[in-house]
C-alpha atoms as a PDB file:
ATOM      1  CA  MET A   1      27.377   8.968  11.668  1.00  0.00           C
ATOM      2  CA  LYS A   2      23.605   8.931  10.836  1.00  0.00           C
ATOM      3  CA  PRO A   3      22.356   6.278   8.936  1.00  0.00           C
ATOM      4  CA  HIS A   4      20.526   7.355   5.454  1.00  0.00           C
ATOM      5  CA  LEU A   5      16.928   6.434   6.299  1.00  0.00           C
ATOM      6  CA  SER A   6      15.169   8.396   3.261  1.00  0.00           C
ATOM      7  CA  LEU A   7      13.641   5.446   1.895  1.00  0.00           C
ATOM      8  CA  ILE A   8      12.282   3.674   4.970  1.00  0.00           C
ATOM      9  CA  THR A   9      10.637   7.228   6.062  1.00  0.00           C
ATOM     10  CA  CYS A  10       9.566   7.604   2.753  1.00  0.00           C
ATOM     11  CA  PHE A  11      11.306  10.823   2.004  1.00  0.00           C
ATOM     12  CA  GLY A  12      10.382  12.070   5.530  1.00  0.00           C
ATOM     13  CA  ILE A  13       6.466  11.452   5.313  1.00  0.00           C
ATOM     14  CA  GLY A  14       7.346   9.267   8.377  1.00  0.00           C
ATOM     15  CA  HIS A  15       8.219  12.548  10.488  1.00  0.00           C
ATOM     16  CA  LEU A  16       4.635  13.708   9.932  1.00  0.00           C
ATOM     17  CA  ARG A  17       2.357  14.039  12.669  1.00  0.00           C
ATOM     18  CA  PRO A  18      -0.279  13.248  14.077  1.00  0.00           C
ATOM     19  CA  ALA A  19      -0.397   8.958  12.390  1.00  0.00           C
ATOM     20  CA  PRO A  20       2.615   8.757  10.613  1.00  0.00           C
ATOM     21  CA  GLY A  21       1.299   5.245   9.354  1.00  0.00           C
ATOM     22  CA  THR A  22      -1.640   6.872   8.012  1.00  0.00           C
ATOM     23  CA  TRP A  23       0.664   9.593   6.027  1.00  0.00           C
ATOM     24  CA  GLY A  24       2.612   6.616   4.896  1.00  0.00           C
ATOM     25  CA  SER A  25       0.007   4.810   3.420  1.00  0.00           C
ATOM     26  CA  LEU A  26      -1.152   7.461   0.881  1.00  0.00           C
ATOM     27  CA  PRO A  27       1.399   7.748  -1.477  1.00  0.00           C
ATOM     28  CA  PRO A  28       0.048   4.231  -3.056  1.00  0.00           C
ATOM     29  CA  ILE A  29      -3.387   5.264  -3.100  1.00  0.00           C
ATOM     30  CA  ALA A  30      -2.504   8.567  -4.686  1.00  0.00           C
ATOM     31  CA  LEU A  31      -0.380   6.644  -7.287  1.00  0.00           C
ATOM     32  CA  ALA A  32      -2.840   4.508  -8.483  1.00  0.00           C
ATOM     33  CA  GLY A  33      -5.449   7.155  -8.386  1.00  0.00           C
ATOM     34  CA  VAL A  34      -3.401   9.237 -10.876  1.00  0.00           C
ATOM     35  CA  MET A  35      -2.834   6.156 -12.980  1.00  0.00           C
ATOM     36  CA  LEU A  36      -6.489   5.640 -12.911  1.00  0.00           C
ATOM     37  CA  VAL A  37      -7.252   9.356 -13.695  1.00  0.00           C
ATOM     38  CA  ILE A  38      -4.853   9.024 -16.649  1.00  0.00           C
ATOM     39  CA  GLY A  39      -6.184   5.865 -17.955  1.00  0.00           C
ATOM     40  CA  HIS A  40     -10.096   7.481 -17.986  1.00  0.00           C
ATOM     41  CA  ALA A  41      -8.419  10.252 -19.706  1.00  0.00           C
ATOM     42  CA  THR A  42      -6.305   8.419 -22.434  1.00  0.00           C
ATOM     43  CA  GLY A  43      -9.394   5.620 -22.495  1.00  0.00           C
ATOM     44  CA  LEU A  44      -6.899   3.093 -21.369  1.00  0.00           C
ATOM     45  CA  ALA A  45      -9.073   2.075 -18.288  1.00  0.00           C
ATOM     46  CA  PRO A  46     -12.256   0.497 -18.138  1.00  0.00           C
ATOM     47  CA  THR A  47     -15.714   1.855 -18.500  1.00  0.00           C
ATOM     48  CA  ALA A  48     -19.217   0.969 -18.338  1.00  0.00           C
ATOM     49  CA  VAL A  49     -19.104   0.626 -22.030  1.00  0.00           C
ATOM     50  CA  ASN A  50     -15.961  -1.581 -22.266  1.00  0.00           C
ATOM     51  CA  PRO A  51     -15.272  -3.150 -19.013  1.00  0.00           C
ATOM     52  CA  ALA A  52     -12.288  -4.732 -20.009  1.00  0.00           C
ATOM     53  CA  TRP A  53      -8.485  -3.130 -18.848  1.00  0.00           C
ATOM     54  CA  ASN A  54      -6.134  -2.327 -21.972  1.00  0.00           C
ATOM     55  CA  PRO A  55      -3.387  -5.110 -21.599  1.00  0.00           C
ATOM     56  CA  TRP A  56      -0.536  -2.260 -21.479  1.00  0.00           C
ATOM     57  CA  ALA A  57      -2.522  -0.247 -18.904  1.00  0.00           C
ATOM     58  CA  TRP A  58      -2.936  -3.378 -17.007  1.00  0.00           C
ATOM     59  CA  LEU A  59       0.959  -4.066 -16.950  1.00  0.00           C
ATOM     60  CA  VAL A  60       1.845  -0.517 -16.178  1.00  0.00           C
ATOM     61  CA  TYR A  61      -0.589   0.016 -13.306  1.00  0.00           C
ATOM     62  CA  HIS A  62       0.422  -3.554 -11.959  1.00  0.00           C
ATOM     63  CA  GLY A  63       4.236  -3.215 -12.900  1.00  0.00           C
ATOM     64  CA  VAL A  64       4.228   0.391 -11.037  1.00  0.00           C
ATOM     65  CA  LEU A  65       2.537  -0.952  -7.865  1.00  0.00           C
ATOM     66  CA  VAL A  66       4.623  -4.217  -7.910  1.00  0.00           C
ATOM     67  CA  ALA A  67       7.870  -2.242  -8.217  1.00  0.00           C
ATOM     68  CA  THR A  68       6.567   0.227  -5.260  1.00  0.00           C
ATOM     69  CA  LEU A  69       5.965  -2.858  -3.132  1.00  0.00           C
ATOM     70  CA  LEU A  70       9.539  -4.132  -3.821  1.00  0.00           C
ATOM     71  CA  VAL A  71      11.417  -0.994  -3.394  1.00  0.00           C
ATOM     72  CA  PHE A  72       9.889  -0.072  -0.117  1.00  0.00           C
ATOM     73  CA  SER A  73      10.112  -3.992   1.286  1.00  0.00           C
ATOM     74  CA  GLY A  74      13.482  -3.652   0.490  1.00  0.00           C
ATOM     75  CA  ALA A  75      14.212  -0.701   2.417  1.00  0.00           C
ATOM     76  CA  CYS A  76      12.207  -2.092   5.275  1.00  0.00           C
ATOM     77  CA  ILE A  77      14.763  -5.168   5.169  1.00  0.00           C
ATOM     78  CA  ALA A  78      17.885  -3.163   4.411  1.00  0.00           C
ATOM     79  CA  GLN A  79      17.360  -0.085   6.710  1.00  0.00           C
ATOM     80  CA  GLY A  80      15.176  -1.842   9.571  1.00  0.00           C
ATOM     81  CA  ASP A  81      18.059  -2.262  12.009  1.00  0.00           C
ATOM     82  CA  ALA A  82      19.723   1.018  11.350  1.00  0.00           C
ATOM     83  CA  CYS A  83      15.971   2.779  11.582  1.00  0.00           C
ATOM     84  CA  GLU A  84      15.191   1.101  15.227  1.00  0.00           C
ATOM     85  CA  ALA A  85      18.818   2.040  16.417  1.00  0.00           C
ATOM     86  CA  ARG A  86      18.318   5.783  15.545  1.00  0.00           C
ATOM     87  CA  TYR A  87      14.919   5.953  17.099  1.00  0.00           C
ATOM     88  CA  LEU A  88      15.740   3.680  19.801  1.00  0.00           C
ATOM     89  CA  CYS A  89      12.528   1.349  19.563  1.00  0.00           C
ATOM     90  CA  LYS A  90      11.135  -1.443  17.425  1.00  0.00           C
ATOM     91  CA  ASP A  91       9.370  -0.475  14.538  1.00  0.00           C
ATOM     92  CA  PRO A  92       9.467   3.090  15.044  1.00  0.00           C
ATOM     93  CA  SER A  93       6.652   5.307  13.879  1.00  0.00           C
ATOM     94  CA  GLU A  94       9.179   7.183  11.642  1.00  0.00           C
ATOM     95  CA  SER A  95       9.545   3.771   9.617  1.00  0.00           C
ATOM     96  CA  VAL A  96       6.577   4.194   7.157  1.00  0.00           C
ATOM     97  CA  ALA A  97       7.932   2.036   4.370  1.00  0.00           C
ATOM     98  CA  ASP A  98       6.306  -0.751   5.408  1.00  0.00           C
ATOM     99  CA  GLU A  99       2.806   1.071   5.207  1.00  0.00           C
ATOM    100  CA  VAL A 100       3.754   1.969   1.581  1.00  0.00           C
ATOM    101  CA  ALA A 101       4.578  -1.608   0.856  1.00  0.00           C
ATOM    102  CA  GLY A 102       1.539  -2.987   2.440  1.00  0.00           C
ATOM    103  CA  GLN A 103      -0.855  -0.328   1.105  1.00  0.00           C
ATOM    104  CA  CYS A 104       0.141  -1.612  -2.455  1.00  0.00           C
ATOM    105  CA  ILE A 105      -1.259  -5.104  -1.934  1.00  0.00           C
ATOM    106  CA  PRO A 106      -4.894  -4.331  -1.705  1.00  0.00           C
ATOM    107  CA  LEU A 107      -4.670  -2.132  -4.991  1.00  0.00           C
ATOM    108  CA  LEU A 108      -3.686  -5.283  -7.057  1.00  0.00           C
ATOM    109  CA  PHE A 109      -5.943  -7.027  -9.212  1.00  0.00           C
ATOM    110  CA  LEU A 110      -9.013  -4.967  -9.002  1.00  0.00           C
ATOM    111  CA  PRO A 111     -11.870  -6.074 -10.993  1.00  0.00           C
ATOM    112  CA  ALA A 112     -12.186  -3.673 -13.879  1.00  0.00           C
ATOM    113  CA  ALA A 113     -15.573  -3.300 -12.993  1.00  0.00           C
ATOM    114  CA  ALA A 114     -14.807  -1.557  -9.585  1.00  0.00           C
ATOM    115  CA  LEU A 115     -12.756   1.089 -11.596  1.00  0.00           C
ATOM    116  CA  SER A 116     -15.116   1.597 -14.484  1.00  0.00           C
ATOM    117  CA  THR A 117     -16.247   5.010 -13.625  1.00  0.00           C
ATOM    118  CA  PRO A 118     -14.469   7.569 -11.383  1.00  0.00           C
ATOM    119  CA  LEU A 119     -16.884   7.052  -8.724  1.00  0.00           C
ATOM    120  CA  LEU A 120     -16.519   3.404  -8.415  1.00  0.00           C
ATOM    121  CA  ALA A 121     -13.029   3.894  -8.667  1.00  0.00           C
ATOM    122  CA  ALA A 122     -12.601   6.243  -5.793  1.00  0.00           C
ATOM    123  CA  PHE A 123     -14.742   4.134  -3.728  1.00  0.00           C
ATOM    124  CA  THR A 124     -12.388   1.104  -4.564  1.00  0.00           C
ATOM    125  CA  LEU A 125      -9.279   3.234  -3.619  1.00  0.00           C
ATOM    126  CA  LEU A 126     -11.181   4.316  -0.353  1.00  0.00           C
ATOM    127  CA  LEU A 127     -11.913   1.017   0.638  1.00  0.00           C
ATOM    128  CA  ALA A 128      -8.546  -0.371  -0.122  1.00  0.00           C
ATOM    129  CA  PHE A 129      -6.980   2.615   2.120  1.00  0.00           C
ATOM    130  CA  PHE A 130      -9.496   2.242   5.097  1.00  0.00           C
ATOM    131  CA  SER A 131      -9.544  -1.361   5.129  1.00  0.00           C
ATOM    132  CA  PHE A 132      -5.661  -1.530   5.293  1.00  0.00           C
ATOM    133  CA  ARG A 133      -5.172   1.186   7.682  1.00  0.00           C
ATOM    134  CA  LEU A 134      -7.935  -0.565  10.145  1.00  0.00           C
ATOM    135  CA  LEU A 135      -6.025  -3.986   9.918  1.00  0.00           C
ATOM    136  CA  ASP A 136      -2.709  -2.842  10.051  1.00  0.00           C
ATOM    137  CA  ILE A 137      -4.036  -0.777  13.312  1.00  0.00           C
ATOM    138  CA  PHE A 138      -5.643  -3.708  14.699  1.00  0.00           C
ATOM    139  CA  LYS A 139      -3.261  -6.275  13.395  1.00  0.00           C
ATOM    140  CA  PRO A 140      -5.387  -9.553  13.639  1.00  0.00           C
ATOM    141  CA  TRP A 141      -3.543 -12.871  14.343  1.00  0.00           C
ATOM    142  CA  PRO A 142      -1.052 -13.579  12.852  1.00  0.00           C
ATOM    143  CA  ALA A 143      -0.108 -10.386  11.911  1.00  0.00           C
ATOM    144  CA  ASN A 144       0.291  -9.468  15.503  1.00  0.00           C
ATOM    145  CA  ARG A 145       2.926 -12.108  15.966  1.00  0.00           C
ATOM    146  CA  LEU A 146       4.856 -11.146  12.780  1.00  0.00           C
ATOM    147  CA  GLN A 147       5.726  -7.834  14.361  1.00  0.00           C
ATOM    148  CA  ARG A 148       7.879  -9.984  16.747  1.00  0.00           C
ATOM    149  CA  VAL A 149      10.494 -10.840  14.025  1.00  0.00           C
ATOM    150  CA  PRO A 150      13.866  -9.143  14.493  1.00  0.00           C
ATOM    151  CA  ALA A 151      14.560  -6.114  12.661  1.00  0.00           C
ATOM    152  CA  GLY A 152      13.498  -4.930   9.155  1.00  0.00           C
ATOM    153  CA  TRP A 153      11.685  -8.007   8.686  1.00  0.00           C
ATOM    154  CA  GLY A 154       9.445  -7.146  11.901  1.00  0.00           C
ATOM    155  CA  ILE A 155       8.876  -3.877  10.628  1.00  0.00           C
ATOM    156  CA  LEU A 156       7.578  -5.229   7.231  1.00  0.00           C
ATOM    157  CA  LEU A 157       5.850  -8.582   7.541  1.00  0.00           C
ATOM    158  CA  ASP A 158       2.846  -7.372   9.855  1.00  0.00           C
ATOM    159  CA  ASP A 159       1.962  -4.788   7.286  1.00  0.00           C
ATOM    160  CA  LEU A 160       1.984  -7.305   4.314  1.00  0.00           C
ATOM    161  CA  ALA A 161      -0.240  -9.753   6.446  1.00  0.00           C
ATOM    162  CA  ALA A 162      -2.567  -6.693   6.896  1.00  0.00           C
ATOM    163  CA  GLY A 163      -2.278  -5.751   2.873  1.00  0.00           C
ATOM    164  CA  LEU A 164      -2.999  -9.329   2.160  1.00  0.00           C
ATOM    165  CA  TYR A 165      -6.166  -8.997   4.714  1.00  0.00           C
ATOM    166  CA  ALA A 166      -7.243  -6.047   2.978  1.00  0.00           C
ATOM    167  CA  LEU A 167      -6.596  -7.525  -0.412  1.00  0.00           C
ATOM    168  CA  VAL A 168      -9.208 -10.391   0.662  1.00  0.00           C
ATOM    169  CA  ILE A 169     -11.721  -7.590   1.883  1.00  0.00           C
ATOM    170  CA  VAL A 170     -11.195  -5.340  -0.983  1.00  0.00           C
ATOM    171  CA  GLN A 171     -11.734  -8.403  -3.592  1.00  0.00           C
ATOM    172  CA  ILE A 172     -14.822  -9.899  -2.008  1.00  0.00           C
ATOM    173  CA  ALA A 173     -16.638  -6.142  -1.574  1.00  0.00           C
ATOM    174  CA  ALA A 174     -15.928  -5.181  -5.135  1.00  0.00           C
ATOM    175  CA  ARG A 175     -17.257  -8.507  -6.671  1.00  0.00           C
ATOM    176  CA  LEU A 176     -20.225  -8.696  -4.540  1.00  0.00           C
ATOM    177  CA  ALA A 177     -21.026  -5.062  -5.479  1.00  0.00           C
ATOM    178  CA  LEU A 178     -20.852  -5.398  -9.037  1.00  0.00           C
END
């Protein structure tokens, strides 16, 4: 009987080639981008004239990203053993829920000024994407050691660490550029 692995493969995105981890990092970027476009269109997002987030827009944006982070982290933990058994290796490339979860982190707590125009918002999202992907690929210490943790936790923790590193880069870049 095949284990049900739809969440850990992000509904099949993990089967895309080449670079399934890159494909798996795109849904949070797209989700954040859609929320920012809606925010700009409705006047709820920060602008150059009014650089403050609307509190409801802030809660929705962060709530959706945190919920995504938690759901896909849970998928790694719950389905990690089954995924490794199905693909016969540690942290199989088909498992991209860890990338989805990790990519959510650098998208959190962005300074309003970094999102105040569509161009700045696009630059910020691209910075979050590329910094996460590079750090996920190169896995600086201690992320490289976290992958050794057994099963789903090992699949997940190195990507959460890469997400935290990327969060620092995005925050510093966004605040220094303003």
